[in-house]
Amino acid sequence: MKDTTHLSQKLDTHPHAPTRTDLHSPIWNLSVSVSVCGCLSVVLFSGLDAGASDLRRVISPVADLRSETQDAPPDTYAHDPLEESQLLFGEIVKIHQTDGDWGLAEAVNQREFTHKKVWEGYPGWVRLENLGEPWAGPVESKAVVKTFWANVYDRPLTGFGRSQIYAQIPFGSFIDVVRTAGDWAEMAWKCRTTAWMRKKYLTCAAASIAMPESDTGHYDARIADCVWKHMRLFFGVPYYWGGLSPYGTRYRRVMTGVDCSGLVHLAYRAAGAVIPRDSHEQWMSSAPLKREELRRGDLVFLANAEKPQKIVHVAMYVGGEFLIEGPGTGLKVRRITFKKKFGRRLSGIESGDTVGGKVIYFGRPEWTAISERGEEVK
């Protein structure tokens, strides 16, 4: 969880436990068709509370979202408090103002609450060179990249002629699919042009999943398995404060990596499930769980004992005694046991316990999806 006081006043919370609030707001009228891993999950966006002239589309593979108009230091994973988040190819932002080469953006695909005490897109400054006009051409469907880095070509690879690689775009990128042809998908690219990707690198449309109301949130094993599959891809990826991108050895424009909440957000995003960006907001939108109710894909939140109302870390429970987490600056994404992390086995921990100066909470993230008819299901 990042300190955001430099952008606006922080959220006041209850003195004993983190506060939850309603996720639903006009700007978050997002349409998401839930996916099953290996099939295509369609992620639609509608009802954005912004004028069309204010909306921009990310056209760089990865762009930094900064709290000030200052670039991140190159070639270092050292803690940088100015790094708010990162934007991935295809994300939509709303530009509120400009300052030279920079725009004050609202990343509408990354929900957050803390900055202004309302649900909105994550705010920060982005270099305008990373943005283009929203795609205005025909769209057959929308999808998410589910491989670490996917090649984008000028034409499908066939036995006739040579194809040129335009770029590589990262896991979690949003794709406007113009049409499909065999094993290939034609996609919106830049400057009203199109390019091609292999369909196997995209999630694909599948039947929606009915999610019954319950005190412990909805749970679907298929989504949980998909999220677990995605999390495993990130083993060994460097922790990067504010990071929301897979590690790319050949992508050098910005640093790539994930922080603890970015890892969780990306894993759910690629499964067609929309959850907030930061750990505190992920807690706010989660249903509380008892230890015996934990299942794969549920989240484990930590707060400092002296300030138990503020979540500072999140990890994912993946079954048995294991968690997956982005542990902190200087470390890499790892799988770890409760015993090794907390000094206790899971059987000795209840939600709300204080262990080693940290208060531990268990939660099941509420994620947003719609039916194939476009009706929102919660």
Protein backbone atom coordinates (compact mmCIF):
# COMPACT_ATOMS: atom_id res chain seq x y z
CA MET A 1 0.00 0.00 0.00
CA LYS A 2 1.54 3.31 -1.06
CA ASP A 3 1.44 6.57 0.92
CA THR A 4 -0.56 9.01 -1.20
CA THR A 5 -0.64 12.08 1.02
CA HIS A 6 1.42 14.03 -1.52
CA LEU A 7 -1.54 13.99 -3.95
CA SER A 8 -4.44 14.55 -1.56
CA GLN A 9 -5.64 13.99 2.00
CA LYS A 10 -5.69 10.36 3.08
CA LEU A 11 -8.78 8.38 4.06
CA ASP A 12 -9.95 8.62 7.68
CA THR A 13 -10.77 5.15 8.96
CA HIS A 14 -12.22 3.40 11.99
CA PRO A 15 -9.67 3.12 14.84
CA HIS A 16 -9.93 -0.66 15.19
CA ALA A 17 -10.31 -2.18 11.74
CA PRO A 18 -9.99 -1.18 8.09
CA THR A 19 -13.10 0.44 6.62
CA ARG A 20 -15.05 -1.02 3.73
CA THR A 21 -17.27 0.92 1.36
CA ASP A 22 -19.42 0.46 -1.71
CA LEU A 23 -17.48 -0.10 -4.92
CA HIS A 24 -20.28 1.04 -7.20
CA SER A 25 -19.97 4.54 -8.65
CA PRO A 26 -20.88 5.95 -12.09
CA ILE A 27 -17.26 5.90 -13.25
CA TRP A 28 -17.09 2.18 -12.47
CA ASN A 29 -19.78 1.06 -14.83
CA LEU A 30 -17.37 -1.53 -16.19
CA SER A 31 -18.52 -4.46 -18.26
CA VAL A 32 -16.50 -7.61 -17.70
CA SER A 33 -17.39 -11.02 -19.03
CA VAL A 34 -15.84 -13.56 -16.68
CA SER A 35 -13.29 -15.90 -18.14
CA VAL A 36 -12.16 -19.42 -17.65
CA CYS A 37 -8.42 -19.93 -18.18
CA GLY A 38 -7.55 -20.98 -21.67
CA CYS A 39 -10.73 -19.49 -23.06
CA LEU A 40 -11.29 -15.95 -24.16
CA SER A 41 -12.59 -13.54 -21.50
CA VAL A 42 -14.12 -10.39 -22.92
CA VAL A 43 -13.48 -7.25 -20.90
CA LEU A 44 -15.71 -4.37 -21.94
CA PHE A 45 -15.68 -0.81 -20.66
CA SER A 46 -18.76 1.35 -20.74
CA GLY A 47 -20.26 4.34 -19.00
CA LEU A 48 -16.96 6.10 -18.25
CA ASP A 49 -17.73 9.37 -16.49
CA ALA A 50 -15.66 11.47 -18.85
CA GLY A 51 -16.05 13.54 -21.97
CA ALA A 52 -14.83 11.81 -25.10
CA SER A 53 -12.26 14.58 -25.68
CA ASP A 54 -10.70 13.86 -22.26
CA LEU A 55 -10.14 10.15 -22.81
CA ARG A 56 -6.83 8.75 -24.01
CA ARG A 57 -5.60 5.24 -24.69
CA VAL A 58 -2.20 3.96 -23.56
CA ILE A 59 -0.13 3.08 -26.65
CA SER A 60 3.19 2.26 -24.95
CA PRO A 61 3.73 -1.23 -23.55
CA VAL A 62 4.31 0.18 -20.02
CA ALA A 63 4.19 3.78 -18.76
CA ASP A 64 4.88 5.14 -15.29
CA LEU A 65 2.18 6.97 -13.35
CA ARG A 66 3.95 9.52 -11.16
CA SER A 67 2.94 11.75 -8.26
CA GLU A 68 5.08 14.56 -9.72
CA THR A 69 6.26 15.51 -13.22
CA GLN A 70 9.56 13.74 -12.74
CA ASP A 71 10.76 10.55 -14.41
CA ALA A 72 11.64 7.50 -12.35
CA PRO A 73 15.36 6.85 -11.82
CA PRO A 74 16.64 4.41 -14.47
CA ASP A 75 18.01 0.94 -13.82
CA THR A 76 17.16 0.66 -10.14
CA TYR A 77 14.59 -1.19 -8.05
CA ALA A 78 15.24 1.07 -5.08
CA HIS A 79 12.17 2.41 -3.31
CA ASP A 80 10.78 5.45 -5.18
CA PRO A 81 7.93 7.20 -3.33
CA LEU A 82 6.98 9.15 -6.47
CA GLU A 83 5.93 5.98 -8.31
CA GLU A 84 2.15 5.76 -7.98
CA SER A 85 1.39 2.92 -10.40
CA GLN A 86 1.99 1.88 -13.99
CA LEU A 87 -0.20 1.92 -17.08
CA LEU A 88 -0.30 -0.94 -19.57
CA PHE A 89 -1.05 -0.95 -23.28
CA GLY A 90 -4.74 -0.45 -24.04
CA GLU A 91 -5.72 1.06 -20.69
CA ILE A 92 -7.97 4.11 -20.79
CA VAL A 93 -7.08 7.29 -18.92
CA LYS A 94 -8.88 10.57 -18.44
CA ILE A 95 -6.64 13.65 -18.71
CA HIS A 96 -7.62 16.42 -16.29
CA GLN A 97 -4.84 18.90 -17.08
CA THR A 98 -1.47 19.14 -18.81
CA ASP A 99 1.89 20.57 -17.84
CA GLY A 100 4.34 20.61 -20.73
CA ASP A 101 5.02 17.01 -21.77
CA TRP A 102 2.97 15.62 -18.89
CA GLY A 103 -0.73 14.99 -18.30
CA LEU A 104 -2.51 14.59 -14.97
CA ALA A 105 -4.29 11.31 -15.62
CA GLU A 106 -7.00 9.24 -14.00
CA ALA A 107 -6.38 5.57 -14.75
CA VAL A 108 -9.99 4.43 -14.98
CA ASN A 109 -9.09 0.73 -15.17
CA GLN A 110 -7.41 0.93 -11.75
CA ARG A 111 -9.96 1.65 -9.03
CA GLU A 112 -8.92 3.42 -5.85
CA PHE A 113 -10.57 5.31 -2.99
CA THR A 114 -7.90 6.80 -0.76
CA HIS A 115 -6.94 9.99 -2.58
CA LYS A 116 -10.34 11.75 -2.52
CA LYS A 117 -12.47 9.39 -0.42
CA VAL A 118 -14.52 8.43 -3.49
CA TRP A 119 -14.10 5.52 -5.88
CA GLU A 120 -12.30 6.78 -8.96
CA GLY A 121 -9.42 5.93 -11.27
CA TYR A 122 -5.89 6.00 -9.92
CA PRO A 123 -4.47 9.55 -10.27
CA GLY A 124 -0.99 10.54 -11.33
CA TRP A 125 1.16 12.21 -13.97
CA VAL A 126 2.06 10.41 -17.20
CA ARG A 127 4.18 11.49 -20.14
CA LEU A 128 1.81 12.39 -22.99
CA GLU A 129 3.98 10.54 -25.54
CA ASN A 130 2.60 7.31 -24.04
CA LEU A 131 -0.99 8.18 -24.95
CA GLY A 132 -3.07 8.22 -28.12
CA GLU A 133 -6.67 8.66 -29.13
CA PRO A 134 -9.13 5.91 -28.12
CA TRP A 135 -9.72 3.38 -30.88
CA ALA A 136 -12.72 4.53 -32.94
CA GLY A 137 -12.86 1.68 -35.44
CA PRO A 138 -14.92 -1.52 -35.35
CA VAL A 139 -14.38 -3.86 -32.39
CA GLU A 140 -15.47 -7.49 -32.41
CA SER A 141 -14.53 -8.01 -28.76
CA LYS A 142 -12.07 -6.93 -26.11
CA ALA A 143 -9.54 -9.17 -24.44
CA VAL A 144 -6.59 -9.26 -22.06
CA VAL A 145 -3.06 -10.49 -22.74
CA LYS A 146 -2.39 -13.57 -20.62
CA THR A 147 1.23 -14.33 -21.50
CA PHE A 148 4.18 -12.45 -20.00
CA TRP A 149 5.16 -10.59 -23.18
CA ALA A 150 3.35 -11.07 -26.49
CA ASN A 151 4.72 -10.23 -29.93
CA VAL A 152 2.68 -7.85 -32.06
CA TYR A 153 3.10 -8.29 -35.86
CA ASP A 154 2.26 -6.30 -38.96
CA ARG A 155 0.57 -9.40 -40.43
CA PRO A 156 -0.08 -13.03 -39.45
CA LEU A 157 2.83 -15.41 -39.74
CA THR A 158 2.19 -17.56 -42.79
CA GLY A 159 4.23 -19.39 -45.36
CA PHE A 160 3.97 -16.41 -47.70
CA GLY A 161 6.07 -13.28 -47.15
CA ARG A 162 7.75 -12.09 -43.99
CA SER A 163 6.11 -10.59 -40.92
CA GLN A 164 7.59 -7.72 -38.96
CA ILE A 165 7.44 -7.56 -35.16
CA TYR A 166 6.14 -4.13 -34.18
CA ALA A 167 6.63 -4.54 -30.45
CA GLN A 168 6.05 -6.73 -27.42
CA ILE A 169 3.22 -5.87 -25.05
CA PRO A 170 2.88 -7.16 -21.50
CA PHE A 171 0.61 -9.42 -19.49
CA GLY A 172 -2.53 -7.54 -18.47
CA SER A 173 -2.71 -5.30 -21.55
CA PHE A 174 -6.19 -4.57 -22.90
CA ILE A 175 -6.76 -5.47 -26.54
CA ASP A 176 -9.45 -4.22 -28.94
CA VAL A 177 -9.99 -7.22 -31.22
CA VAL A 178 -11.09 -6.03 -34.65
CA ARG A 179 -11.53 -9.51 -36.11
CA THR A 180 -10.11 -13.00 -35.90
CA ALA A 181 -8.70 -15.19 -38.66
CA GLY A 182 -7.70 -18.73 -37.81
CA ASP A 183 -5.13 -18.65 -35.02
CA TRP A 184 -4.73 -14.89 -35.25
CA ALA A 185 -6.48 -11.78 -33.95
CA GLU A 186 -6.34 -8.43 -35.70
CA MET A 187 -6.10 -5.73 -33.04
CA ALA A 188 -6.24 -1.96 -32.72
CA TRP A 189 -2.70 -0.61 -32.74
CA LYS A 190 -1.61 3.02 -33.05
CA CYS A 191 -2.66 6.02 -35.15
CA ARG A 192 -5.80 4.24 -36.40
CA THR A 193 -3.75 1.30 -37.69
CA THR A 194 -4.13 -2.37 -36.83
CA ALA A 195 -1.69 -5.16 -36.03
CA TRP A 196 -1.86 -8.90 -35.35
CA MET A 197 -1.39 -11.19 -32.36
CA ARG A 198 -1.71 -14.91 -31.83
CA LYS A 199 -5.10 -15.69 -30.27
CA LYS A 200 -3.52 -18.12 -27.82
CA TYR A 201 -1.97 -15.15 -26.01
CA LEU A 202 -5.40 -13.66 -25.29
CA THR A 203 -8.14 -14.66 -22.94
CA CYS A 204 -11.32 -15.57 -24.85
CA ALA A 205 -15.10 -15.32 -24.35
CA ALA A 206 -16.72 -17.86 -22.11
CA ALA A 207 -20.04 -18.29 -20.37
CA SER A 208 -20.67 -15.97 -17.46
CA ILE A 209 -20.57 -17.34 -13.95
CA ALA A 210 -23.50 -16.79 -11.63
CA MET A 211 -22.27 -15.42 -8.34
CA PRO A 212 -24.67 -15.91 -5.43
CA GLU A 213 -24.79 -13.38 -2.63
CA SER A 214 -23.24 -14.50 0.64
CA ASP A 215 -21.59 -13.06 3.73
CA THR A 216 -18.24 -14.36 2.53
CA GLY A 217 -18.46 -13.11 -1.05
CA HIS A 218 -18.85 -15.11 -4.23
CA TYR A 219 -16.35 -17.85 -4.97
CA ASP A 220 -15.74 -19.79 -8.15
CA ALA A 221 -13.04 -22.43 -8.35
CA ARG A 222 -12.47 -21.79 -12.07
CA ILE A 223 -11.62 -18.14 -11.46
CA ALA A 224 -9.45 -19.10 -8.47
CA ASP A 225 -7.55 -21.66 -10.55
CA CYS A 226 -7.05 -19.10 -13.32
CA VAL A 227 -5.72 -16.54 -10.84
CA TRP A 228 -3.38 -19.15 -9.33
CA LYS A 229 -2.08 -20.01 -12.80
CA HIS A 230 -1.33 -16.34 -13.43
CA MET A 231 0.35 -15.84 -10.07
CA ARG A 232 2.80 -18.64 -10.78
CA LEU A 233 4.03 -16.80 -13.88
CA PHE A 234 5.37 -14.08 -11.60
CA PHE A 235 7.62 -16.24 -9.41
CA GLY A 236 11.00 -14.53 -9.29
CA VAL A 237 9.79 -11.19 -10.67
CA PRO A 238 11.43 -8.27 -8.84
CA TYR A 239 9.35 -6.28 -6.37
CA TYR A 240 8.97 -2.72 -7.66
CA TRP A 241 7.17 -0.09 -5.58
CA GLY A 242 4.16 1.01 -7.65
CA GLY A 243 4.91 -1.70 -10.24
CA LEU A 244 2.13 -3.25 -12.32
CA SER A 245 4.06 -5.04 -15.05
CA PRO A 246 5.82 -8.34 -15.76
CA TYR A 247 9.59 -8.25 -15.71
CA GLY A 248 10.91 -7.58 -19.21
CA THR A 249 14.59 -8.15 -19.92
CA ARG A 250 14.33 -6.45 -23.33
CA TYR A 251 12.01 -3.60 -22.34
CA ARG A 252 14.18 -0.79 -21.03
CA ARG A 253 12.03 2.35 -21.33
CA VAL A 254 10.87 2.02 -17.73
CA MET A 255 11.52 -0.40 -14.90
CA THR A 256 9.25 -3.44 -14.83
CA GLY A 257 8.04 -5.43 -11.85
CA VAL A 258 5.17 -5.60 -9.37
CA ASP A 259 4.37 -4.49 -5.87
CA CYS A 260 2.24 -6.64 -3.57
CA SER A 261 -1.15 -5.27 -4.64
CA GLY A 262 -0.14 -4.90 -8.28
CA LEU A 263 0.59 -8.63 -8.39
CA VAL A 264 -2.88 -9.46 -7.04
CA HIS A 265 -4.62 -6.90 -9.27
CA LEU A 266 -2.94 -8.23 -12.43
CA ALA A 267 -3.67 -11.89 -11.64
CA TYR A 268 -7.37 -11.14 -11.23
CA ARG A 269 -7.46 -8.78 -14.22
CA ALA A 270 -6.24 -11.46 -16.60
CA ALA A 271 -8.95 -13.78 -15.25
CA GLY A 272 -11.62 -11.23 -16.25
CA ALA A 273 -12.20 -10.07 -12.69
CA VAL A 274 -12.01 -6.37 -11.81
CA ILE A 275 -10.65 -5.57 -8.34
CA PRO A 276 -9.10 -2.35 -6.98
CA ARG A 277 -5.46 -1.40 -7.49
CA ASP A 278 -4.06 -1.00 -3.95
CA SER A 279 -4.04 -3.30 -0.94
CA HIS A 280 -6.14 -1.05 1.32
CA GLU A 281 -8.85 -0.74 -1.32
CA GLN A 282 -8.64 -4.47 -2.02
CA TRP A 283 -9.42 -4.96 1.66
CA MET A 284 -12.24 -2.41 1.54
CA SER A 285 -13.88 -4.41 -1.27
CA SER A 286 -13.35 -7.84 0.31
CA ALA A 287 -15.76 -9.90 2.38
CA PRO A 288 -14.23 -10.83 5.76
CA LEU A 289 -13.38 -14.48 6.29
CA LYS A 290 -12.64 -16.78 9.17
CA ARG A 291 -9.57 -18.99 8.91
CA GLU A 292 -11.62 -22.09 8.14
CA GLU A 293 -13.31 -20.29 5.24
CA LEU A 294 -10.05 -19.55 3.37
CA ARG A 295 -9.83 -20.99 -0.12
CA ARG A 296 -7.37 -20.64 -2.98
CA GLY A 297 -7.45 -17.11 -4.39
CA ASP A 298 -8.53 -15.46 -1.12
CA LEU A 299 -6.38 -12.68 0.26
CA VAL A 300 -4.34 -12.21 3.42
CA PHE A 301 -3.97 -8.58 4.51
CA LEU A 302 -1.51 -7.05 6.97
CA ALA A 303 -1.68 -3.83 8.99
CA ASN A 304 0.79 -2.47 11.49
CA ALA A 305 -0.31 -3.16 15.07
CA GLU A 306 -0.05 0.52 15.99
CA LYS A 307 -2.40 1.45 13.11
CA PRO A 308 -4.64 -1.57 12.49
CA GLN A 309 -7.10 0.42 10.37
CA LYS A 310 -4.59 0.87 7.51
CA ILE A 311 -3.66 -2.10 5.32
CA VAL A 312 0.00 -2.03 4.28
CA HIS A 313 0.46 -5.40 2.56
CA VAL A 314 -1.49 -8.12 0.76
CA ALA A 315 -0.65 -11.71 -0.16
CA MET A 316 -2.71 -14.43 -1.81
CA TYR A 317 -3.63 -17.70 -0.15
CA VAL A 318 -3.05 -20.58 -2.57
CA GLY A 319 -3.96 -23.59 -0.45
CA GLY A 320 -2.45 -25.68 2.31
CA GLU A 321 0.12 -23.65 4.24
CA PHE A 322 1.16 -21.44 1.33
CA LEU A 323 0.95 -17.79 0.33
CA ILE A 324 2.22 -15.95 -2.75
CA GLU A 325 3.41 -12.40 -2.28
CA GLY A 326 5.51 -9.56 -3.58
CA PRO A 327 7.37 -9.20 -0.28
CA GLY A 328 9.09 -5.82 -0.58
CA THR A 329 11.88 -3.75 -2.07
CA GLY A 330 15.00 -5.78 -2.82
CA LEU A 331 13.09 -9.08 -2.92
CA LYS A 332 11.23 -11.10 -5.57
CA VAL A 333 7.76 -12.62 -5.87
CA ARG A 334 7.76 -15.85 -3.90
CA ARG A 335 5.70 -18.66 -2.46
CA ILE A 336 6.10 -18.91 1.31
CA THR A 337 4.51 -20.80 4.19
CA PHE A 338 2.61 -19.16 7.04
CA LYS A 339 5.16 -20.68 9.41
CA LYS A 340 8.12 -19.10 7.64
CA LYS A 341 6.45 -15.69 7.27
CA PHE A 342 4.66 -15.38 10.61
CA GLY A 343 6.31 -17.96 12.84
CA ARG A 344 2.99 -19.83 13.11
CA ARG A 345 1.17 -22.40 11.05
CA LEU A 346 -2.13 -21.31 9.53
CA SER A 347 -3.99 -23.43 12.12
CA GLY A 348 -2.66 -21.08 14.81
CA ILE A 349 -3.85 -17.84 13.19
CA GLU A 350 -7.31 -16.26 13.24
CA SER A 351 -8.35 -13.17 11.30
CA GLY A 352 -7.63 -10.15 13.50
CA ASP A 353 -4.70 -11.75 15.33
CA THR A 354 -1.56 -9.71 15.95
CA VAL A 355 1.59 -11.62 15.10
CA GLY A 356 5.06 -10.11 15.10
CA GLY A 357 3.75 -6.55 15.19
CA LYS A 358 1.32 -7.11 12.30
CA VAL A 359 -2.44 -7.52 12.41
CA ILE A 360 -3.60 -10.24 10.01
CA TYR A 361 -6.97 -10.17 8.23
CA PHE A 362 -8.47 -12.68 5.82
CA GLY A 363 -10.75 -11.56 2.97
CA ARG A 364 -12.39 -12.68 -0.27
CA PRO A 365 -12.18 -10.00 -2.96
CA GLU A 366 -15.44 -8.79 -4.47
CA TRP A 367 -14.94 -8.58 -8.21
CA THR A 368 -17.16 -7.08 -10.87
CA ALA A 369 -18.44 -8.98 -13.90
CA ILE A 370 -21.42 -8.93 -16.24
CA SER A 371 -23.44 -11.51 -18.10
CA GLU A 372 -23.07 -11.96 -21.85
CA ARG A 373 -26.13 -9.73 -22.23
CA GLY A 374 -24.28 -6.89 -20.55
CA GLU A 375 -26.08 -7.06 -17.22
CA GLU A 376 -23.92 -6.42 -14.21
CA VAL A 377 -23.56 -9.32 -11.80
CA LYS A 378 -22.08 -8.81 -8.38
